[in-house]
Amino acid sequence: MFDLQDFIGSCKHFVGAPDGAKQVLDLMSGVVADAEGIKSAVVPGAPGQAIFDLVLFRSSDLLVLNATVPPHFATPSHNHGMWAVIGIYEGQENNTFYRRSGKGLEVVNRREIRAGEAVLLGSEVIHAIENPFGFNTLGLHVYGGDVLAAKRSMWNPSSHEELPYEHRQMSKWCVELTKSRSVV
């Protein structure tokens, strides 16, 4: 059975290790198989709101979130500036991965992360996410730093210009992208 305090304690223990991100991935891979246990320990976001990240633990070197990604939600390209382990325990998160090129960003890979799966994103990763379903996707996110306070980038979905990450603008773009994808 999933125990939130044990999970956070293990993440705190792993975060400073040379292979800490890999250890968190291994831990997460086992944890996301217990969707009902996670749901009994954390509260998902309210239906109909933009992405809702419930902070479960926050320090300068570790952030643990419970993320609720609404139906058909989409983000523009962005980075975290640190490693991240994303575990999905309900629904699916589709990722498009990019790299910088002479023309801005170019797609290098796509990956669907389904319920019961986890992925490790390196500190250099640039990605965009989407929820392909008409119901919430639920996930645990662990970051090797305080992603909420970190200096990072986002890319304008129209001009593809790289800009400093700014939460209010990112949220606006997410709403626009989500509306453009939603099924009427």
C-alpha atoms as a PDB file:
ATOM      1  CA  MET A   1       0.000   0.000   0.000  1.00  0.00           C
ATOM      2  CA  PHE A   2       1.297   3.435  -0.952  1.00  0.00           C
ATOM      3  CA  ASP A   3       2.558   5.486   1.990  1.00  0.00           C
ATOM      4  CA  LEU A   4       3.062   9.147   1.115  1.00  0.00           C
ATOM      5  CA  GLN A   5       5.495   9.880   3.946  1.00  0.00           C
ATOM      6  CA  ASP A   6       7.637   6.838   3.097  1.00  0.00           C
ATOM      7  CA  PHE A   7       7.648   7.884  -0.560  1.00  0.00           C
ATOM      8  CA  ILE A   8       8.740  11.435   0.270  1.00  0.00           C
ATOM      9  CA  GLY A   9      11.325  10.126   2.744  1.00  0.00           C
ATOM     10  CA  SER A  10      12.822   7.856   0.098  1.00  0.00           C
ATOM     11  CA  CYS A  11      12.914  10.692  -2.443  1.00  0.00           C
ATOM     12  CA  LYS A  12      14.662  12.942   0.118  1.00  0.00           C
ATOM     13  CA  HIS A  13      17.213  10.187   0.716  1.00  0.00           C
ATOM     14  CA  PHE A  14      17.841   9.623  -3.026  1.00  0.00           C
ATOM     15  CA  VAL A  15      17.941  13.241  -4.236  1.00  0.00           C
ATOM     16  CA  GLY A  16      21.549  13.912  -3.233  1.00  0.00           C
ATOM     17  CA  ALA A  17      22.979  10.636  -4.519  1.00  0.00           C
ATOM     18  CA  PRO A  18      24.982  10.568  -7.787  1.00  0.00           C
ATOM     19  CA  ASP A  19      22.343   8.259  -9.288  1.00  0.00           C
ATOM     20  CA  GLY A  20      19.485   9.798  -7.303  1.00  0.00           C
ATOM     21  CA  ALA A  21      17.283  10.478 -10.320  1.00  0.00           C
ATOM     22  CA  LYS A  22      17.547   6.826 -11.406  1.00  0.00           C
ATOM     23  CA  GLN A  23      16.736   5.654  -7.874  1.00  0.00           C
ATOM     24  CA  VAL A  24      13.655   7.913  -7.818  1.00  0.00           C
ATOM     25  CA  LEU A  25      12.626   6.475 -11.215  1.00  0.00           C
ATOM     26  CA  ASP A  26      12.946   2.923  -9.861  1.00  0.00           C
ATOM     27  CA  LEU A  27      10.891   3.887  -6.798  1.00  0.00           C
ATOM     28  CA  MET A  28       8.262   5.658  -8.927  1.00  0.00           C
ATOM     29  CA  SER A  29       7.966   2.699 -11.301  1.00  0.00           C
ATOM     30  CA  GLY A  30       6.824   0.546  -8.386  1.00  0.00           C
ATOM     31  CA  VAL A  31       4.628   3.184  -6.780  1.00  0.00           C
ATOM     32  CA  VAL A  32       2.436   4.100  -9.766  1.00  0.00           C
ATOM     33  CA  ALA A  33       1.148   0.528  -9.947  1.00  0.00           C
ATOM     34  CA  ASP A  34      -0.847   1.305  -6.783  1.00  0.00           C
ATOM     35  CA  ALA A  35      -3.287   3.879  -8.171  1.00  0.00           C
ATOM     36  CA  GLU A  36      -5.895   3.309  -5.464  1.00  0.00           C
ATOM     37  CA  GLY A  37      -3.275   3.650  -2.728  1.00  0.00           C
ATOM     38  CA  ILE A  38      -2.059   6.949  -4.188  1.00  0.00           C
ATOM     39  CA  LYS A  39      -5.626   8.233  -4.548  1.00  0.00           C
ATOM     40  CA  SER A  40      -6.306   7.462  -0.892  1.00  0.00           C
ATOM     41  CA  ALA A  41      -3.204   9.448   0.138  1.00  0.00           C
ATOM     42  CA  VAL A  42      -3.516  12.540  -2.080  1.00  0.00           C
ATOM     43  CA  VAL A  43      -6.337  14.735  -3.380  1.00  0.00           C
ATOM     44  CA  PRO A  44      -6.718  15.290  -7.143  1.00  0.00           C
ATOM     45  CA  GLY A  45      -7.512  18.748  -8.524  1.00  0.00           C
ATOM     46  CA  ALA A  46     -11.034  19.985  -9.032  1.00  0.00           C
ATOM     47  CA  PRO A  47     -12.783  19.099 -12.319  1.00  0.00           C
ATOM     48  CA  GLY A  48     -12.717  21.806 -14.977  1.00  0.00           C
ATOM     49  CA  GLN A  49      -9.770  23.793 -13.690  1.00  0.00           C
ATOM     50  CA  ALA A  50      -6.411  24.215 -15.408  1.00  0.00           C
ATOM     51  CA  ILE A  51      -3.592  21.903 -14.389  1.00  0.00           C
ATOM     52  CA  PHE A  52      -3.584  21.575 -10.648  1.00  0.00           C
ATOM     53  CA  ASP A  53      -0.361  20.746  -8.907  1.00  0.00           C
ATOM     54  CA  LEU A  54      -0.748  19.875  -5.274  1.00  0.00           C
ATOM     55  CA  VAL A  55       2.603  20.368  -3.560  1.00  0.00           C
ATOM     56  CA  LEU A  56       3.267  17.329  -1.393  1.00  0.00           C
ATOM     57  CA  PHE A  57       6.820  18.318  -0.397  1.00  0.00           C
ATOM     58  CA  ARG A  58       8.992  21.322  -1.243  1.00  0.00           C
ATOM     59  CA  SER A  59      12.609  22.157  -0.467  1.00  0.00           C
ATOM     60  CA  SER A  60      15.455  23.748  -2.411  1.00  0.00           C
ATOM     61  CA  ASP A  61      16.656  20.363  -3.732  1.00  0.00           C
ATOM     62  CA  LEU A  62      13.395  18.404  -4.055  1.00  0.00           C
ATOM     63  CA  LEU A  63       9.794  19.037  -5.074  1.00  0.00           C
ATOM     64  CA  VAL A  64       7.088  16.371  -5.048  1.00  0.00           C
ATOM     65  CA  LEU A  65       3.763  17.169  -6.730  1.00  0.00           C
ATOM     66  CA  ASN A  66       0.503  15.406  -7.313  1.00  0.00           C
ATOM     67  CA  ALA A  67      -0.536  16.629 -10.762  1.00  0.00           C
ATOM     68  CA  THR A  68      -4.073  16.601 -12.124  1.00  0.00           C
ATOM     69  CA  VAL A  69      -4.051  17.210 -15.880  1.00  0.00           C
ATOM     70  CA  PRO A  70      -7.556  18.081 -17.152  1.00  0.00           C
ATOM     71  CA  PRO A  71      -9.184  16.528 -20.225  1.00  0.00           C
ATOM     72  CA  HIS A  72      -7.477  17.460 -23.528  1.00  0.00           C
ATOM     73  CA  PHE A  73      -5.074  19.790 -21.674  1.00  0.00           C
ATOM     74  CA  ALA A  74      -1.959  20.829 -23.613  1.00  0.00           C
ATOM     75  CA  THR A  75       1.142  22.873 -22.832  1.00  0.00           C
ATOM     76  CA  PRO A  76       3.562  24.726 -25.051  1.00  0.00           C
ATOM     77  CA  SER A  77       7.187  23.616 -25.094  1.00  0.00           C
ATOM     78  CA  HIS A  78       9.021  24.231 -21.834  1.00  0.00           C
ATOM     79  CA  ASN A  79      11.898  22.950 -19.761  1.00  0.00           C
ATOM     80  CA  HIS A  80      12.426  22.355 -16.059  1.00  0.00           C
ATOM     81  CA  GLY A  81      16.149  23.067 -15.799  1.00  0.00           C
ATOM     82  CA  MET A  82      16.556  19.995 -13.572  1.00  0.00           C
ATOM     83  CA  TRP A  83      15.800  16.287 -13.717  1.00  0.00           C
ATOM     84  CA  ALA A  84      12.233  15.183 -13.244  1.00  0.00           C
ATOM     85  CA  VAL A  85      10.575  11.819 -12.723  1.00  0.00           C
ATOM     86  CA  ILE A  86       6.990  11.688 -13.961  1.00  0.00           C
ATOM     87  CA  GLY A  87       4.797   8.789 -12.889  1.00  0.00           C
ATOM     88  CA  ILE A  88       1.249   8.376 -14.206  1.00  0.00           C
ATOM     89  CA  TYR A  89      -1.225   6.479 -12.048  1.00  0.00           C
ATOM     90  CA  GLU A  90      -4.410   7.235 -14.002  1.00  0.00           C
ATOM     91  CA  GLY A  91      -4.899   8.260 -17.621  1.00  0.00           C
ATOM     92  CA  GLN A  92      -2.076   9.082 -19.989  1.00  0.00           C
ATOM     93  CA  GLU A  93       0.378  11.922 -20.617  1.00  0.00           C
ATOM     94  CA  ASN A  94       1.647  12.344 -24.175  1.00  0.00           C
ATOM     95  CA  ASN A  95       5.051  14.008 -24.394  1.00  0.00           C
ATOM     96  CA  THR A  96       6.693  15.613 -27.398  1.00  0.00           C
ATOM     97  CA  PHE A  97      10.429  16.109 -26.893  1.00  0.00           C
ATOM     98  CA  TYR A  98      12.472  18.821 -28.599  1.00  0.00           C
ATOM     99  CA  ARG A  99      16.027  20.008 -29.026  1.00  0.00           C
ATOM    100  CA  ARG A 100      17.328  23.410 -29.924  1.00  0.00           C
ATOM    101  CA  SER A 101      18.334  23.811 -33.560  1.00  0.00           C
ATOM    102  CA  GLY A 102      19.294  26.653 -35.879  1.00  0.00           C
ATOM    103  CA  LYS A 103      15.593  27.069 -36.636  1.00  0.00           C
ATOM    104  CA  GLY A 104      14.420  27.139 -33.010  1.00  0.00           C
ATOM    105  CA  LEU A 105      13.131  23.792 -31.761  1.00  0.00           C
ATOM    106  CA  GLU A 106      12.843  20.533 -33.634  1.00  0.00           C
ATOM    107  CA  VAL A 107      10.920  17.442 -32.555  1.00  0.00           C
ATOM    108  CA  VAL A 108      13.233  14.577 -31.602  1.00  0.00           C
ATOM    109  CA  ASN A 109      10.851  12.083 -30.019  1.00  0.00           C
ATOM    110  CA  ARG A 110       7.351  11.409 -28.765  1.00  0.00           C
ATOM    111  CA  ARG A 111       6.366   9.200 -25.864  1.00  0.00           C
ATOM    112  CA  GLU A 112       3.081   8.185 -24.298  1.00  0.00           C
ATOM    113  CA  ILE A 113       3.288   7.628 -20.558  1.00  0.00           C
ATOM    114  CA  ARG A 114       0.372   5.417 -19.557  1.00  0.00           C
ATOM    115  CA  ALA A 115      -1.073   4.597 -16.156  1.00  0.00           C
ATOM    116  CA  GLY A 116       1.428   2.471 -14.260  1.00  0.00           C
ATOM    117  CA  GLU A 117       4.444   3.897 -16.102  1.00  0.00           C
ATOM    118  CA  ALA A 118       7.153   6.387 -15.165  1.00  0.00           C
ATOM    119  CA  VAL A 119       9.791   8.308 -17.098  1.00  0.00           C
ATOM    120  CA  LEU A 120      12.968  10.167 -16.189  1.00  0.00           C
ATOM    121  CA  LEU A 121      13.523  13.529 -17.871  1.00  0.00           C
ATOM    122  CA  GLY A 122      17.090  14.851 -17.794  1.00  0.00           C
ATOM    123  CA  SER A 123      17.867  18.436 -16.838  1.00  0.00           C
ATOM    124  CA  GLU A 124      18.324  19.436 -20.498  1.00  0.00           C
ATOM    125  CA  VAL A 125      14.942  18.100 -21.685  1.00  0.00           C
ATOM    126  CA  ILE A 126      12.523  20.405 -23.492  1.00  0.00           C
ATOM    127  CA  HIS A 127       9.024  19.002 -23.864  1.00  0.00           C
ATOM    128  CA  ALA A 128       5.329  19.714 -24.257  1.00  0.00           C
ATOM    129  CA  ILE A 129       2.606  17.574 -22.739  1.00  0.00           C
ATOM    130  CA  GLU A 130      -0.990  16.771 -23.525  1.00  0.00           C
ATOM    131  CA  ASN A 131      -3.759  14.687 -22.030  1.00  0.00           C
ATOM    132  CA  PRO A 132      -5.349  12.835 -24.972  1.00  0.00           C
ATOM    133  CA  PHE A 133      -8.438  11.774 -23.024  1.00  0.00           C
ATOM    134  CA  GLY A 134     -11.760  13.301 -21.985  1.00  0.00           C
ATOM    135  CA  PHE A 135     -10.997  12.675 -18.300  1.00  0.00           C
ATOM    136  CA  ASN A 136      -8.283  13.764 -15.870  1.00  0.00           C
ATOM    137  CA  THR A 137      -4.810  12.269 -16.005  1.00  0.00           C
ATOM    138  CA  LEU A 138      -3.276  11.860 -12.552  1.00  0.00           C
ATOM    139  CA  GLY A 139       0.436  11.715 -11.858  1.00  0.00           C
ATOM    140  CA  LEU A 140       3.147  12.068  -9.276  1.00  0.00           C
ATOM    141  CA  HIS A 141       6.008  14.363 -10.277  1.00  0.00           C
ATOM    142  CA  VAL A 142       9.354  14.470  -8.485  1.00  0.00           C
ATOM    143  CA  TYR A 143      11.880  17.182  -9.353  1.00  0.00           C
ATOM    144  CA  GLY A 144      15.556  17.354  -8.395  1.00  0.00           C
ATOM    145  CA  GLY A 145      15.133  20.943  -7.183  1.00  0.00           C
ATOM    146  CA  ASP A 146      12.436  23.528  -6.591  1.00  0.00           C
ATOM    147  CA  VAL A 147      10.950  23.739 -10.089  1.00  0.00           C
ATOM    148  CA  LEU A 148       8.438  26.355  -8.893  1.00  0.00           C
ATOM    149  CA  ALA A 149      11.269  28.806  -8.146  1.00  0.00           C
ATOM    150  CA  ALA A 150      13.750  27.721 -10.840  1.00  0.00           C
ATOM    151  CA  LYS A 151      14.974  29.820 -13.728  1.00  0.00           C
ATOM    152  CA  ARG A 152      13.676  28.040 -16.808  1.00  0.00           C
ATOM    153  CA  SER A 153      12.271  28.619 -20.293  1.00  0.00           C
ATOM    154  CA  MET A 154       9.036  28.339 -22.226  1.00  0.00           C
ATOM    155  CA  TRP A 155       8.442  28.714 -25.949  1.00  0.00           C
ATOM    156  CA  ASN A 156       5.712  30.860 -27.478  1.00  0.00           C
ATOM    157  CA  PRO A 157       3.403  28.385 -29.271  1.00  0.00           C
ATOM    158  CA  SER A 158       2.870  30.813 -32.190  1.00  0.00           C
ATOM    159  CA  SER A 159       6.279  32.405 -32.766  1.00  0.00           C
ATOM    160  CA  HIS A 160       8.339  29.579 -31.160  1.00  0.00           C
ATOM    161  CA  GLU A 161      10.426  32.256 -29.434  1.00  0.00           C
ATOM    162  CA  GLU A 162      12.214  31.151 -26.256  1.00  0.00           C
ATOM    163  CA  LEU A 163      11.195  33.242 -23.257  1.00  0.00           C
ATOM    164  CA  PRO A 164      11.855  33.145 -19.522  1.00  0.00           C
ATOM    165  CA  TYR A 165       9.245  30.958 -17.824  1.00  0.00           C
ATOM    166  CA  GLU A 166       6.399  33.043 -16.451  1.00  0.00           C
ATOM    167  CA  HIS A 167       3.513  31.183 -14.829  1.00  0.00           C
ATOM    168  CA  ARG A 168       0.704  33.578 -15.802  1.00  0.00           C
ATOM    169  CA  GLN A 169       1.644  33.565 -19.513  1.00  0.00           C
ATOM    170  CA  MET A 170       2.212  29.798 -19.523  1.00  0.00           C
ATOM    171  CA  SER A 171      -1.263  29.287 -18.034  1.00  0.00           C
ATOM    172  CA  LYS A 172      -2.812  31.536 -20.689  1.00  0.00           C
ATOM    173  CA  TRP A 173      -1.133  29.582 -23.486  1.00  0.00           C
ATOM    174  CA  CYS A 174      -2.238  26.296 -21.930  1.00  0.00           C
ATOM    175  CA  VAL A 175      -5.860  27.464 -21.897  1.00  0.00           C
ATOM    176  CA  GLU A 176      -5.607  28.522 -25.571  1.00  0.00           C
ATOM    177  CA  LEU A 177      -3.965  25.253 -26.648  1.00  0.00           C
ATOM    178  CA  THR A 178      -6.471  23.198 -24.673  1.00  0.00           C
ATOM    179  CA  LYS A 179      -9.442  25.037 -26.203  1.00  0.00           C
ATOM    180  CA  SER A 180      -8.031  24.459 -29.667  1.00  0.00           C
ATOM    181  CA  ARG A 181      -7.862  20.669 -28.983  1.00  0.00           C
ATOM    182  CA  SER A 182     -11.109  20.145 -27.079  1.00  0.00           C
ATOM    183  CA  VAL A 183     -13.852  18.098 -28.639  1.00  0.00           C
ATOM    184  CA  VAL A 184     -17.129  19.996 -28.843  1.00  0.00           C
END
